[in-house]
Amino acid sequence: MSDKIFLNGAQFFAYHGVSDHEQHVGGLYVVDVELIYGVLSAAKSDDLTQTISYSEVYRTVREIVQGKSHRLVESLAEQIADTLLARYPAEHVMVRVKKQPPPIDGIIEAAGVEIVRTKKS
């Protein structure tokens, strides 16, 4: 199945990072998510209850990103993926978390992580 529900470029100011300084001053985090979920029933019925609401997905991601601080974006992405798979009937999820700009001595637009997880049976 290749149907997807997605959010691209959800932006949040949050307090994550390896250094205490990063966790104190905060920074911009951009999150993309894709949930693999069959939307045929919703497409035929035109009924929101037959699909996953991307508004609810956004609220879930915001709650996590602006919640507990993480040292690593890997940890943040994993919490997002685990929560999305637990709350919604998606089979797989892709989560991309980008720090813009990252605390690197150089000119870089973004750095981050992308993970793909499958719902456990």
PDB file of N, CA and C in Angstrom:
ATOM      1  N   MET A   1       0.856  -1.188   0.000  1.00  0.00           N
ATOM      2  CA  MET A   1       0.000   0.000   0.000  1.00  0.00           C
ATOM      3  C   MET A   1       0.892   1.238   0.000  1.00  0.00           C
ATOM      4  N   SER A   2       0.524   2.215  -0.806  1.00  0.00           N
ATOM      5  CA  SER A   2       1.376   3.399  -0.894  1.00  0.00           C
ATOM      6  C   SER A   2       0.647   4.691  -0.545  1.00  0.00           C
ATOM      7  N   ASP A   3      -0.570   4.602  -0.005  1.00  0.00           N
ATOM      8  CA  ASP A   3      -1.253   5.827   0.417  1.00  0.00           C
ATOM      9  C   ASP A   3      -0.509   6.434   1.601  1.00  0.00           C
ATOM     10  N   LYS A   4      -0.449   7.750   1.628  1.00  0.00           N
ATOM     11  CA  LYS A   4       0.262   8.447   2.705  1.00  0.00           C
ATOM     12  C   LYS A   4      -0.538   9.649   3.161  1.00  0.00           C
ATOM     13  N   ILE A   5      -0.454   9.897   4.434  1.00  0.00           N
ATOM     14  CA  ILE A   5      -0.909  11.152   5.011  1.00  0.00           C
ATOM     15  C   ILE A   5       0.366  11.812   5.502  1.00  0.00           C
ATOM     16  N   PHE A   6       0.566  13.080   5.158  1.00  0.00           N
ATOM     17  CA  PHE A   6       1.854  13.683   5.500  1.00  0.00           C
ATOM     18  C   PHE A   6       1.716  15.127   5.972  1.00  0.00           C
ATOM     19  N   LEU A   7       2.748  15.523   6.708  1.00  0.00           N
ATOM     20  CA  LEU A   7       2.971  16.925   7.081  1.00  0.00           C
ATOM     21  C   LEU A   7       4.389  17.254   6.638  1.00  0.00           C
ATOM     22  N   ASN A   8       4.566  18.365   5.956  1.00  0.00           N
ATOM     23  CA  ASN A   8       5.897  18.809   5.552  1.00  0.00           C
ATOM     24  C   ASN A   8       6.173  20.188   6.131  1.00  0.00           C
ATOM     25  N   GLY A   9       7.311  20.304   6.768  1.00  0.00           N
ATOM     26  CA  GLY A   9       7.772  21.607   7.216  1.00  0.00           C
ATOM     27  C   GLY A   9       7.072  22.181   8.438  1.00  0.00           C
ATOM     28  N   ALA A  10       6.617  21.324   9.347  1.00  0.00           N
ATOM     29  CA  ALA A  10       6.032  21.831  10.597  1.00  0.00           C
ATOM     30  C   ALA A  10       7.160  22.434  11.437  1.00  0.00           C
ATOM     31  N   GLN A  11       7.041  23.720  11.759  1.00  0.00           N
ATOM     32  CA  GLN A  11       8.125  24.434  12.440  1.00  0.00           C
ATOM     33  C   GLN A  11       7.773  24.713  13.892  1.00  0.00           C
ATOM     34  N   PHE A  12       8.771  24.476  14.756  1.00  0.00           N
ATOM     35  CA  PHE A  12       8.578  24.669  16.193  1.00  0.00           C
ATOM     36  C   PHE A  12       9.841  25.276  16.798  1.00  0.00           C
ATOM     37  N   PHE A  13       9.651  26.178  17.735  1.00  0.00           N
ATOM     38  CA  PHE A  13      10.775  26.644  18.539  1.00  0.00           C
ATOM     39  C   PHE A  13      10.782  25.769  19.777  1.00  0.00           C
ATOM     40  N   ALA A  14      11.923  25.130  20.040  1.00  0.00           N
ATOM     41  CA  ALA A  14      11.980  24.189  21.158  1.00  0.00           C
ATOM     42  C   ALA A  14      13.379  24.159  21.758  1.00  0.00           C
ATOM     43  N   TYR A  15      13.505  23.418  22.832  1.00  0.00           N
ATOM     44  CA  TYR A  15      14.729  23.422  23.639  1.00  0.00           C
ATOM     45  C   TYR A  15      15.347  22.032  23.710  1.00  0.00           C
ATOM     46  N   HIS A  16      15.994  21.625  22.624  1.00  0.00           N
ATOM     47  CA  HIS A  16      16.674  20.338  22.551  1.00  0.00           C
ATOM     48  C   HIS A  16      18.132  20.599  22.213  1.00  0.00           C
ATOM     49  N   GLY A  17      18.982  19.639  22.512  1.00  0.00           N
ATOM     50  CA  GLY A  17      20.374  19.766  22.112  1.00  0.00           C
ATOM     51  C   GLY A  17      21.310  19.082  23.086  1.00  0.00           C
ATOM     52  N   VAL A  18      22.485  18.757  22.586  1.00  0.00           N
ATOM     53  CA  VAL A  18      23.491  18.082  23.395  1.00  0.00           C
ATOM     54  C   VAL A  18      24.027  19.010  24.476  1.00  0.00           C
ATOM     55  N   SER A  19      24.247  20.262  24.133  1.00  0.00           N
ATOM     56  CA  SER A  19      24.845  21.186  25.108  1.00  0.00           C
ATOM     57  C   SER A  19      23.769  21.842  25.970  1.00  0.00           C
ATOM     58  N   ASP A  20      24.165  22.212  27.163  1.00  0.00           N
ATOM     59  CA  ASP A  20      23.262  22.944  28.056  1.00  0.00           C
ATOM     60  C   ASP A  20      22.853  24.267  27.416  1.00  0.00           C
ATOM     61  N   HIS A  21      23.792  24.884  26.676  1.00  0.00           N
ATOM     62  CA  HIS A  21      23.497  26.150  26.007  1.00  0.00           C
ATOM     63  C   HIS A  21      22.347  25.979  25.012  1.00  0.00           C
ATOM     64  N   GLU A  22      22.400  24.934  24.184  1.00  0.00           N
ATOM     65  CA  GLU A  22      21.321  24.681  23.218  1.00  0.00           C
ATOM     66  C   GLU A  22      19.988  24.494  23.937  1.00  0.00           C
ATOM     67  N   GLN A  23      20.016  23.758  25.030  1.00  0.00           N
ATOM     68  CA  GLN A  23      18.776  23.501  25.760  1.00  0.00           C
ATOM     69  C   GLN A  23      18.262  24.761  26.443  1.00  0.00           C
ATOM     70  N   HIS A  24      19.146  25.701  26.706  1.00  0.00           N
ATOM     71  CA  HIS A  24      18.738  26.952  27.372  1.00  0.00           C
ATOM     72  C   HIS A  24      18.200  27.983  26.373  1.00  0.00           C
ATOM     73  N   VAL A  25      18.887  28.159  25.240  1.00  0.00           N
ATOM     74  CA  VAL A  25      18.479  29.202  24.289  1.00  0.00           C
ATOM     75  C   VAL A  25      17.444  28.715  23.278  1.00  0.00           C
ATOM     76  N   GLY A  26      17.395  27.416  23.043  1.00  0.00           N
ATOM     77  CA  GLY A  26      16.416  26.873  22.102  1.00  0.00           C
ATOM     78  C   GLY A  26      16.808  27.093  20.656  1.00  0.00           C
ATOM     79  N   GLY A  27      15.966  26.582  19.774  1.00  0.00           N
ATOM     80  CA  GLY A  27      16.233  26.716  18.350  1.00  0.00           C
ATOM     81  C   GLY A  27      15.043  26.276  17.532  1.00  0.00           C
ATOM     82  N   LEU A  28      15.176  26.420  16.220  1.00  0.00           N
ATOM     83  CA  LEU A  28      14.111  26.063  15.294  1.00  0.00           C
ATOM     84  C   LEU A  28      14.259  24.600  14.878  1.00  0.00           C
ATOM     85  N   TYR A  29      13.158  23.866  14.997  1.00  0.00           N
ATOM     86  CA  TYR A  29      13.094  22.466  14.586  1.00  0.00           C
ATOM     87  C   TYR A  29      12.003  22.341  13.537  1.00  0.00           C
ATOM     88  N   VAL A  30      12.335  21.674  12.445  1.00  0.00           N
ATOM     89  CA  VAL A  30      11.380  21.466  11.366  1.00  0.00           C
ATOM     90  C   VAL A  30      11.130  19.963  11.264  1.00  0.00           C
ATOM     91  N   VAL A  31       9.858  19.586  11.281  1.00  0.00           N
ATOM     92  CA  VAL A  31       9.489  18.172  11.297  1.00  0.00           C
ATOM     93  C   VAL A  31       8.620  17.844  10.087  1.00  0.00           C
ATOM     94  N   ASP A  32       8.972  16.741   9.424  1.00  0.00           N
ATOM     95  CA  ASP A  32       8.153  16.157   8.366  1.00  0.00           C
ATOM     96  C   ASP A  32       7.733  14.781   8.852  1.00  0.00           C
ATOM     97  N   VAL A  33       6.486  14.408   8.587  1.00  0.00           N
ATOM     98  CA  VAL A  33       6.034  13.057   8.909  1.00  0.00           C
ATOM     99  C   VAL A  33       5.221  12.505   7.751  1.00  0.00           C
ATOM    100  N   GLU A  34       5.333  11.205   7.559  1.00  0.00           N
ATOM    101  CA  GLU A  34       4.504  10.481   6.600  1.00  0.00           C
ATOM    102  C   GLU A  34       3.959   9.268   7.328  1.00  0.00           C
ATOM    103  N   LEU A  35       2.651   9.075   7.233  1.00  0.00           N
ATOM    104  CA  LEU A  35       2.009   7.907   7.805  1.00  0.00           C
ATOM    105  C   LEU A  35       1.445   7.079   6.658  1.00  0.00           C
ATOM    106  N   ILE A  36       1.853   5.827   6.568  1.00  0.00           N
ATOM    107  CA  ILE A  36       1.339   4.932   5.536  1.00  0.00           C
ATOM    108  C   ILE A  36       0.004   4.395   6.032  1.00  0.00           C
ATOM    109  N   TYR A  37      -1.048   4.748   5.297  1.00  0.00           N
ATOM    110  CA  TYR A  37      -2.403   4.398   5.722  1.00  0.00           C
ATOM    111  C   TYR A  37      -3.320   4.418   4.507  1.00  0.00           C
ATOM    112  N   GLY A  38      -4.095   3.396   4.348  1.00  0.00           N
ATOM    113  CA  GLY A  38      -5.012   3.329   3.217  1.00  0.00           C
ATOM    114  C   GLY A  38      -6.141   4.337   3.345  1.00  0.00           C
ATOM    115  N   VAL A  39      -6.243   5.227   2.397  1.00  0.00           N
ATOM    116  CA  VAL A  39      -7.254   6.292   2.448  1.00  0.00           C
ATOM    117  C   VAL A  39      -8.435   6.037   1.511  1.00  0.00           C
ATOM    118  N   LEU A  40      -8.500   4.866   0.906  1.00  0.00           N
ATOM    119  CA  LEU A  40      -9.559   4.587  -0.059  1.00  0.00           C
ATOM    120  C   LEU A  40     -10.953   4.742   0.549  1.00  0.00           C
ATOM    121  N   SER A  41     -11.150   4.225   1.741  1.00  0.00           N
ATOM    122  CA  SER A  41     -12.464   4.324   2.393  1.00  0.00           C
ATOM    123  C   SER A  41     -12.855   5.791   2.594  1.00  0.00           C
ATOM    124  N   ALA A  42     -11.924   6.592   3.066  1.00  0.00           N
ATOM    125  CA  ALA A  42     -12.197   8.020   3.275  1.00  0.00           C
ATOM    126  C   ALA A  42     -12.432   8.727   1.944  1.00  0.00           C
ATOM    127  N   ALA A  43     -11.675   8.349   0.941  1.00  0.00           N
ATOM    128  CA  ALA A  43     -11.826   8.978  -0.373  1.00  0.00           C
ATOM    129  C   ALA A  43     -13.205   8.697  -0.959  1.00  0.00           C
ATOM    130  N   LYS A  44     -13.688   7.488  -0.770  1.00  0.00           N
ATOM    131  CA  LYS A  44     -15.002   7.122  -1.323  1.00  0.00           C
ATOM    132  C   LYS A  44     -16.153   7.698  -0.502  1.00  0.00           C
ATOM    133  N   SER A  45     -15.968   7.777   0.829  1.00  0.00           N
ATOM    134  CA  SER A  45     -17.059   8.239   1.697  1.00  0.00           C
ATOM    135  C   SER A  45     -17.035   9.747   1.953  1.00  0.00           C
ATOM    136  N   ASP A  46     -15.867  10.384   1.717  1.00  0.00           N
ATOM    137  CA  ASP A  46     -15.684  11.808   2.027  1.00  0.00           C
ATOM    138  C   ASP A  46     -15.956  12.071   3.506  1.00  0.00           C
ATOM    139  N   ASP A  47     -15.493  11.121   4.358  1.00  0.00           N
ATOM    140  CA  ASP A  47     -15.775  11.142   5.795  1.00  0.00           C
ATOM    141  C   ASP A  47     -14.466  11.166   6.581  1.00  0.00           C
ATOM    142  N   LEU A  48     -14.257  12.235   7.339  1.00  0.00           N
ATOM    143  CA  LEU A  48     -13.024  12.401   8.114  1.00  0.00           C
ATOM    144  C   LEU A  48     -12.806  11.260   9.102  1.00  0.00           C
ATOM    145  N   THR A  49     -13.859  10.664   9.614  1.00  0.00           N
ATOM    146  CA  THR A  49     -13.695   9.580  10.584  1.00  0.00           C
ATOM    147  C   THR A  49     -13.111   8.320   9.960  1.00  0.00           C
ATOM    148  N   GLN A  50     -13.000   8.282   8.632  1.00  0.00           N
ATOM    149  CA  GLN A  50     -12.455   7.124   7.932  1.00  0.00           C
ATOM    150  C   GLN A  50     -10.967   7.279   7.614  1.00  0.00           C
ATOM    151  N   THR A  51     -10.362   8.326   8.144  1.00  0.00           N
ATOM    152  CA  THR A  51      -8.951   8.573   7.846  1.00  0.00           C
ATOM    153  C   THR A  51      -8.240   9.071   9.096  1.00  0.00           C
ATOM    154  N   ILE A  52      -6.999   9.450   8.936  1.00  0.00           N
ATOM    155  CA  ILE A  52      -6.208  10.047  10.021  1.00  0.00           C
ATOM    156  C   ILE A  52      -6.175  11.542   9.775  1.00  0.00           C
ATOM    157  N   SER A  53      -6.628  12.311  10.735  1.00  0.00           N
ATOM    158  CA  SER A  53      -6.660  13.767  10.607  1.00  0.00           C
ATOM    159  C   SER A  53      -5.252  14.342  10.715  1.00  0.00           C
ATOM    160  N   TYR A  54      -4.817  15.025   9.664  1.00  0.00           N
ATOM    161  CA  TYR A  54      -3.481  15.623   9.750  1.00  0.00           C
ATOM    162  C   TYR A  54      -3.434  16.743  10.767  1.00  0.00           C
ATOM    163  N   SER A  55      -4.582  17.352  11.092  1.00  0.00           N
ATOM    164  CA  SER A  55      -4.618  18.351  12.171  1.00  0.00           C
ATOM    165  C   SER A  55      -4.292  17.705  13.513  1.00  0.00           C
ATOM    166  N   GLU A  56      -4.833  16.513  13.744  1.00  0.00           N
ATOM    167  CA  GLU A  56      -4.526  15.793  14.985  1.00  0.00           C
ATOM    168  C   GLU A  56      -3.063  15.346  15.004  1.00  0.00           C
ATOM    169  N   VAL A  57      -2.557  14.913  13.854  1.00  0.00           N
ATOM    170  CA  VAL A  57      -1.151  14.518  13.764  1.00  0.00           C
ATOM    171  C   VAL A  57      -0.265  15.712  14.108  1.00  0.00           C
ATOM    172  N   TYR A  58      -0.596  16.884  13.553  1.00  0.00           N
ATOM    173  CA  TYR A  58       0.173  18.095  13.853  1.00  0.00           C
ATOM    174  C   TYR A  58       0.169  18.385  15.354  1.00  0.00           C
ATOM    175  N   ARG A  59      -0.997  18.309  15.979  1.00  0.00           N
ATOM    176  CA  ARG A  59      -1.087  18.577  17.423  1.00  0.00           C
ATOM    177  C   ARG A  59      -0.237  17.585  18.222  1.00  0.00           C
ATOM    178  N   THR A  60      -0.230  16.338  17.797  1.00  0.00           N
ATOM    179  CA  THR A  60       0.583  15.326  18.473  1.00  0.00           C
ATOM    180  C   THR A  60       2.064  15.658  18.349  1.00  0.00           C
ATOM    181  N   VAL A  61       2.498  15.995  17.141  1.00  0.00           N
ATOM    182  CA  VAL A  61       3.911  16.336  16.924  1.00  0.00           C
ATOM    183  C   VAL A  61       4.283  17.574  17.733  1.00  0.00           C
ATOM    184  N   ARG A  62       3.431  18.593  17.716  1.00  0.00           N
ATOM    185  CA  ARG A  62       3.707  19.821  18.476  1.00  0.00           C
ATOM    186  C   ARG A  62       3.848  19.523  19.965  1.00  0.00           C
ATOM    187  N   GLU A  63       2.952  18.710  20.494  1.00  0.00           N
ATOM    188  CA  GLU A  63       2.980  18.338  21.909  1.00  0.00           C
ATOM    189  C   GLU A  63       4.326  17.697  22.279  1.00  0.00           C
ATOM    190  N   ILE A  64       4.849  16.856  21.404  1.00  0.00           N
ATOM    191  CA  ILE A  64       6.116  16.172  21.675  1.00  0.00           C
ATOM    192  C   ILE A  64       7.304  17.111  21.512  1.00  0.00           C
ATOM    193  N   VAL A  65       7.355  17.829  20.383  1.00  0.00           N
ATOM    194  CA  VAL A  65       8.509  18.690  20.113  1.00  0.00           C
ATOM    195  C   VAL A  65       8.616  19.808  21.154  1.00  0.00           C
ATOM    196  N   GLN A  66       7.495  20.357  21.569  1.00  0.00           N
ATOM    197  CA  GLN A  66       7.527  21.453  22.537  1.00  0.00           C
ATOM    198  C   GLN A  66       7.431  20.954  23.977  1.00  0.00           C
ATOM    199  N   GLY A  67       7.472  19.651  24.167  1.00  0.00           N
ATOM    200  CA  GLY A  67       7.408  19.053  25.498  1.00  0.00           C
ATOM    201  C   GLY A  67       8.800  18.822  26.069  1.00  0.00           C
ATOM    202  N   LYS A  68       9.003  17.624  26.576  1.00  0.00           N
ATOM    203  CA  LYS A  68      10.255  17.232  27.230  1.00  0.00           C
ATOM    204  C   LYS A  68      11.466  17.461  26.320  1.00  0.00           C
ATOM    205  N   SER A  69      12.532  18.008  26.889  1.00  0.00           N
ATOM    206  CA  SER A  69      13.766  18.236  26.128  1.00  0.00           C
ATOM    207  C   SER A  69      14.492  16.923  25.870  1.00  0.00           C
ATOM    208  N   HIS A  70      15.083  16.832  24.697  1.00  0.00           N
ATOM    209  CA  HIS A  70      15.911  15.693  24.309  1.00  0.00           C
ATOM    210  C   HIS A  70      17.294  16.213  23.974  1.00  0.00           C
ATOM    211  N   ARG A  71      18.297  15.442  24.276  1.00  0.00           N
ATOM    212  CA  ARG A  71      19.662  15.821  23.896  1.00  0.00           C
ATOM    213  C   ARG A  71      19.872  15.553  22.401  1.00  0.00           C
ATOM    214  N   LEU A  72      19.323  14.454  21.898  1.00  0.00           N
ATOM    215  CA  LEU A  72      19.540  14.057  20.507  1.00  0.00           C
ATOM    216  C   LEU A  72      18.261  14.165  19.693  1.00  0.00           C
ATOM    217  N   VAL A  73      18.380  14.619  18.440  1.00  0.00           N
ATOM    218  CA  VAL A  73      17.208  14.631  17.563  1.00  0.00           C
ATOM    219  C   VAL A  73      16.774  13.204  17.247  1.00  0.00           C
ATOM    220  N   GLU A  74      17.686  12.245  17.342  1.00  0.00           N
ATOM    221  CA  GLU A  74      17.321  10.843  17.166  1.00  0.00           C
ATOM    222  C   GLU A  74      16.290  10.418  18.213  1.00  0.00           C
ATOM    223  N   SER A  75      16.501  10.818  19.434  1.00  0.00           N
ATOM    224  CA  SER A  75      15.581  10.499  20.526  1.00  0.00           C
ATOM    225  C   SER A  75      14.231  11.189  20.319  1.00  0.00           C
ATOM    226  N   LEU A  76      14.269  12.431  19.901  1.00  0.00           N
ATOM    227  CA  LEU A  76      13.047  13.185  19.618  1.00  0.00           C
ATOM    228  C   LEU A  76      12.261  12.524  18.486  1.00  0.00           C
ATOM    229  N   ALA A  77      12.936  12.166  17.407  1.00  0.00           N
ATOM    230  CA  ALA A  77      12.275  11.522  16.269  1.00  0.00           C
ATOM    231  C   ALA A  77      11.667  10.183  16.687  1.00  0.00           C
ATOM    232  N   GLU A  78      12.379   9.436  17.509  1.00  0.00           N
ATOM    233  CA  GLU A  78      11.872   8.136  17.962  1.00  0.00           C
ATOM    234  C   GLU A  78      10.607   8.302  18.800  1.00  0.00           C
ATOM    235  N   GLN A  79      10.586   9.300  19.677  1.00  0.00           N
ATOM    236  CA  GLN A  79       9.382   9.532  20.475  1.00  0.00           C
ATOM    237  C   GLN A  79       8.203   9.916  19.581  1.00  0.00           C
ATOM    238  N   ILE A  80       8.455  10.741  18.579  1.00  0.00           N
ATOM    239  CA  ILE A  80       7.386  11.117  17.640  1.00  0.00           C
ATOM    240  C   ILE A  80       6.863   9.874  16.926  1.00  0.00           C
ATOM    241  N   ALA A  81       7.760   9.053  16.389  1.00  0.00           N
ATOM    242  CA  ALA A  81       7.353   7.855  15.650  1.00  0.00           C
ATOM    243  C   ALA A  81       6.568   6.902  16.542  1.00  0.00           C
ATOM    244  N   ASP A  82       7.081   6.634  17.734  1.00  0.00           N
ATOM    245  CA  ASP A  82       6.399   5.717  18.661  1.00  0.00           C
ATOM    246  C   ASP A  82       5.003   6.213  19.005  1.00  0.00           C
ATOM    247  N   THR A  83       4.876   7.507  19.256  1.00  0.00           N
ATOM    248  CA  THR A  83       3.585   8.074  19.641  1.00  0.00           C
ATOM    249  C   THR A  83       2.597   8.036  18.485  1.00  0.00           C
ATOM    250  N   LEU A  84       3.057   8.382  17.287  1.00  0.00           N
ATOM    251  CA  LEU A  84       2.162   8.356  16.126  1.00  0.00           C
ATOM    252  C   LEU A  84       1.657   6.941  15.853  1.00  0.00           C
ATOM    253  N   LEU A  85       2.544   5.946  15.948  1.00  0.00           N
ATOM    254  CA  LEU A  85       2.126   4.573  15.710  1.00  0.00           C
ATOM    255  C   LEU A  85       1.184   4.061  16.796  1.00  0.00           C
ATOM    256  N   ALA A  86       1.347   4.570  18.016  1.00  0.00           N
ATOM    257  CA  ALA A  86       0.464   4.156  19.112  1.00  0.00           C
ATOM    258  C   ALA A  86      -0.911   4.812  19.016  1.00  0.00           C
ATOM    259  N   ARG A  87      -0.969   6.058  18.571  1.00  0.00           N
ATOM    260  CA  ARG A  87      -2.229   6.812  18.557  1.00  0.00           C
ATOM    261  C   ARG A  87      -3.066   6.636  17.297  1.00  0.00           C
ATOM    262  N   TYR A  88      -2.426   6.307  16.189  1.00  0.00           N
ATOM    263  CA  TYR A  88      -3.129   6.292  14.915  1.00  0.00           C
ATOM    264  C   TYR A  88      -2.967   4.937  14.235  1.00  0.00           C
ATOM    265  N   PRO A  89      -3.897   4.564  13.368  1.00  0.00           N
ATOM    266  CA  PRO A  89      -3.862   3.240  12.749  1.00  0.00           C
ATOM    267  C   PRO A  89      -2.932   3.114  11.539  1.00  0.00           C
ATOM    268  N   ALA A  90      -1.887   3.898  11.480  1.00  0.00           N
ATOM    269  CA  ALA A  90      -0.922   3.799  10.375  1.00  0.00           C
ATOM    270  C   ALA A  90      -0.097   2.522  10.520  1.00  0.00           C
ATOM    271  N   GLU A  91       0.310   1.965   9.387  1.00  0.00           N
ATOM    272  CA  GLU A  91       1.136   0.767   9.382  1.00  0.00           C
ATOM    273  C   GLU A  91       2.619   1.092   9.563  1.00  0.00           C
ATOM    274  N   HIS A  92       3.032   2.189   8.938  1.00  0.00           N
ATOM    275  CA  HIS A  92       4.429   2.634   8.989  1.00  0.00           C
ATOM    276  C   HIS A  92       4.420   4.145   9.161  1.00  0.00           C
ATOM    277  N   VAL A  93       5.536   4.651   9.677  1.00  0.00           N
ATOM    278  CA  VAL A  93       5.679   6.094   9.803  1.00  0.00           C
ATOM    279  C   VAL A  93       7.114   6.483   9.462  1.00  0.00           C
ATOM    280  N   MET A  94       7.252   7.612   8.800  1.00  0.00           N
ATOM    281  CA  MET A  94       8.557   8.213   8.556  1.00  0.00           C
ATOM    282  C   MET A  94       8.546   9.543   9.295  1.00  0.00           C
ATOM    283  N   VAL A  95       9.608   9.790  10.043  1.00  0.00           N
ATOM    284  CA  VAL A  95       9.750  11.051  10.765  1.00  0.00           C
ATOM    285  C   VAL A  95      11.101  11.649  10.416  1.00  0.00           C
ATOM    286  N   ARG A  96      11.104  12.908  10.014  1.00  0.00           N
ATOM    287  CA  ARG A  96      12.335  13.648   9.725  1.00  0.00           C
ATOM    288  C   ARG A  96      12.354  14.859  10.643  1.00  0.00           C
ATOM    289  N   VAL A  97      13.427  14.988  11.411  1.00  0.00           N
ATOM    290  CA  VAL A  97      13.590  16.149  12.296  1.00  0.00           C
ATOM    291  C   VAL A  97      14.851  16.880  11.866  1.00  0.00           C
ATOM    292  N   LYS A  98      14.683  18.181  11.563  1.00  0.00           N
ATOM    293  CA  LYS A  98      15.816  19.001  11.142  1.00  0.00           C
ATOM    294  C   LYS A  98      15.997  20.149  12.127  1.00  0.00           C
ATOM    295  N   LYS A  99      17.239  20.417  12.435  1.00  0.00           N
ATOM    296  CA  LYS A  99      17.606  21.561  13.260  1.00  0.00           C
ATOM    297  C   LYS A  99      18.093  22.634  12.290  1.00  0.00           C
ATOM    298  N   GLN A 100      17.476  23.844  12.362  1.00  0.00           N
ATOM    299  CA  GLN A 100      17.831  24.901  11.420  1.00  0.00           C
ATOM    300  C   GLN A 100      18.221  26.179  12.138  1.00  0.00           C
ATOM    301  N   PRO A 101      19.427  26.621  12.051  1.00  0.00           N
ATOM    302  CA  PRO A 101      20.604  25.903  11.586  1.00  0.00           C
ATOM    303  C   PRO A 101      21.161  25.054  12.720  1.00  0.00           C
ATOM    304  N   PRO A 102      21.948  24.051  12.392  1.00  0.00           N
ATOM    305  CA  PRO A 102      22.564  23.239  13.439  1.00  0.00           C
ATOM    306  C   PRO A 102      23.751  23.983  14.047  1.00  0.00           C
ATOM    307  N   PRO A 103      24.140  23.620  15.271  1.00  0.00           N
ATOM    308  CA  PRO A 103      25.290  24.267  15.906  1.00  0.00           C
ATOM    309  C   PRO A 103      26.604  23.687  15.386  1.00  0.00           C
ATOM    310  N   ILE A 104      26.898  23.996  14.137  1.00  0.00           N
ATOM    311  CA  ILE A 104      28.098  23.484  13.469  1.00  0.00           C
ATOM    312  C   ILE A 104      28.900  24.677  12.970  1.00  0.00           C
ATOM    313  N   ASP A 105      30.201  24.573  13.043  1.00  0.00           N
ATOM    314  CA  ASP A 105      31.076  25.645  12.583  1.00  0.00           C
ATOM    315  C   ASP A 105      31.164  25.590  11.062  1.00  0.00           C
ATOM    316  N   GLY A 106      30.136  26.113  10.426  1.00  0.00           N
ATOM    317  CA  GLY A 106      30.083  26.111   8.974  1.00  0.00           C
ATOM    318  C   GLY A 106      28.730  26.622   8.526  1.00  0.00           C
ATOM    319  N   ILE A 107      28.579  26.792   7.234  1.00  0.00           N
ATOM    320  CA  ILE A 107      27.320  27.283   6.686  1.00  0.00           C
ATOM    321  C   ILE A 107      26.505  26.074   6.241  1.00  0.00           C
ATOM    322  N   ILE A 108      25.479  25.753   7.030  1.00  0.00           N
ATOM    323  CA  ILE A 108      24.633  24.596   6.774  1.00  0.00           C
ATOM    324  C   ILE A 108      23.193  25.011   7.027  1.00  0.00           C
ATOM    325  N   GLU A 109      22.332  24.742   6.076  1.00  0.00           N
ATOM    326  CA  GLU A 109      20.918  25.087   6.231  1.00  0.00           C
ATOM    327  C   GLU A 109      20.257  24.270   7.324  1.00  0.00           C
ATOM    328  N   ALA A 110      20.517  22.964   7.331  1.00  0.00           N
ATOM    329  CA  ALA A 110      19.870  22.094   8.305  1.00  0.00           C
ATOM    330  C   ALA A 110      20.671  20.817   8.472  1.00  0.00           C
ATOM    331  N   ALA A 111      20.496  20.198   9.624  1.00  0.00           N
ATOM    332  CA  ALA A 111      21.041  18.867   9.897  1.00  0.00           C
ATOM    333  C   ALA A 111      19.996  18.143  10.723  1.00  0.00           C
ATOM    334  N   GLY A 112      19.983  16.845  10.620  1.00  0.00           N
ATOM    335  CA  GLY A 112      18.987  16.129  11.396  1.00  0.00           C
ATOM    336  C   GLY A 112      19.001  14.648  11.136  1.00  0.00           C
ATOM    337  N   VAL A 113      17.826  14.056  11.295  1.00  0.00           N
ATOM    338  CA  VAL A 113      17.699  12.609  11.193  1.00  0.00           C
ATOM    339  C   VAL A 113      16.360  12.262  10.545  1.00  0.00           C
ATOM    340  N   GLU A 114      16.346  11.149   9.830  1.00  0.00           N
ATOM    341  CA  GLU A 114      15.108  10.609   9.274  1.00  0.00           C
ATOM    342  C   GLU A 114      15.028   9.155   9.683  1.00  0.00           C
ATOM    343  N   ILE A 115      13.894   8.762  10.273  1.00  0.00           N
ATOM    344  CA  ILE A 115      13.708   7.378  10.674  1.00  0.00           C
ATOM    345  C   ILE A 115      12.411   6.847  10.078  1.00  0.00           C
ATOM    346  N   VAL A 116      12.364   5.541   9.883  1.00  0.00           N
ATOM    347  CA  VAL A 116      11.161   4.852   9.412  1.00  0.00           C
ATOM    348  C   VAL A 116      10.890   3.724  10.412  1.00  0.00           C
ATOM    349  N   ARG A 117       9.660   3.659  10.885  1.00  0.00           N
ATOM    350  CA  ARG A 117       9.278   2.648  11.861  1.00  0.00           C
ATOM    351  C   ARG A 117       7.974   1.968  11.409  1.00  0.00           C
ATOM    352  N   THR A 118       7.839   0.715  11.833  1.00  0.00           N
ATOM    353  CA  THR A 118       6.666  -0.093  11.517  1.00  0.00           C
ATOM    354  C   THR A 118       5.930  -0.429  12.802  1.00  0.00           C
ATOM    355  N   LYS A 119       4.608  -0.400  12.722  1.00  0.00           N
ATOM    356  CA  LYS A 119       3.796  -0.750  13.888  1.00  0.00           C
ATOM    357  C   LYS A 119       4.057  -2.203  14.264  1.00  0.00           C
ATOM    358  N   LYS A 120       4.257  -2.406  15.560  1.00  0.00           N
ATOM    359  CA  LYS A 120       4.456  -3.757  16.060  1.00  0.00           C
ATOM    360  C   LYS A 120       3.106  -4.436  16.213  1.00  0.00           C
ATOM    361  N   SER A 121       3.045  -5.682  15.851  1.00  0.00           N
ATOM    362  CA  SER A 121       1.780  -6.431  15.932  1.00  0.00           C
ATOM    363  C   SER A 121       1.422  -6.767  17.362  1.00  0.00           C
TER     364      SER A 121
END
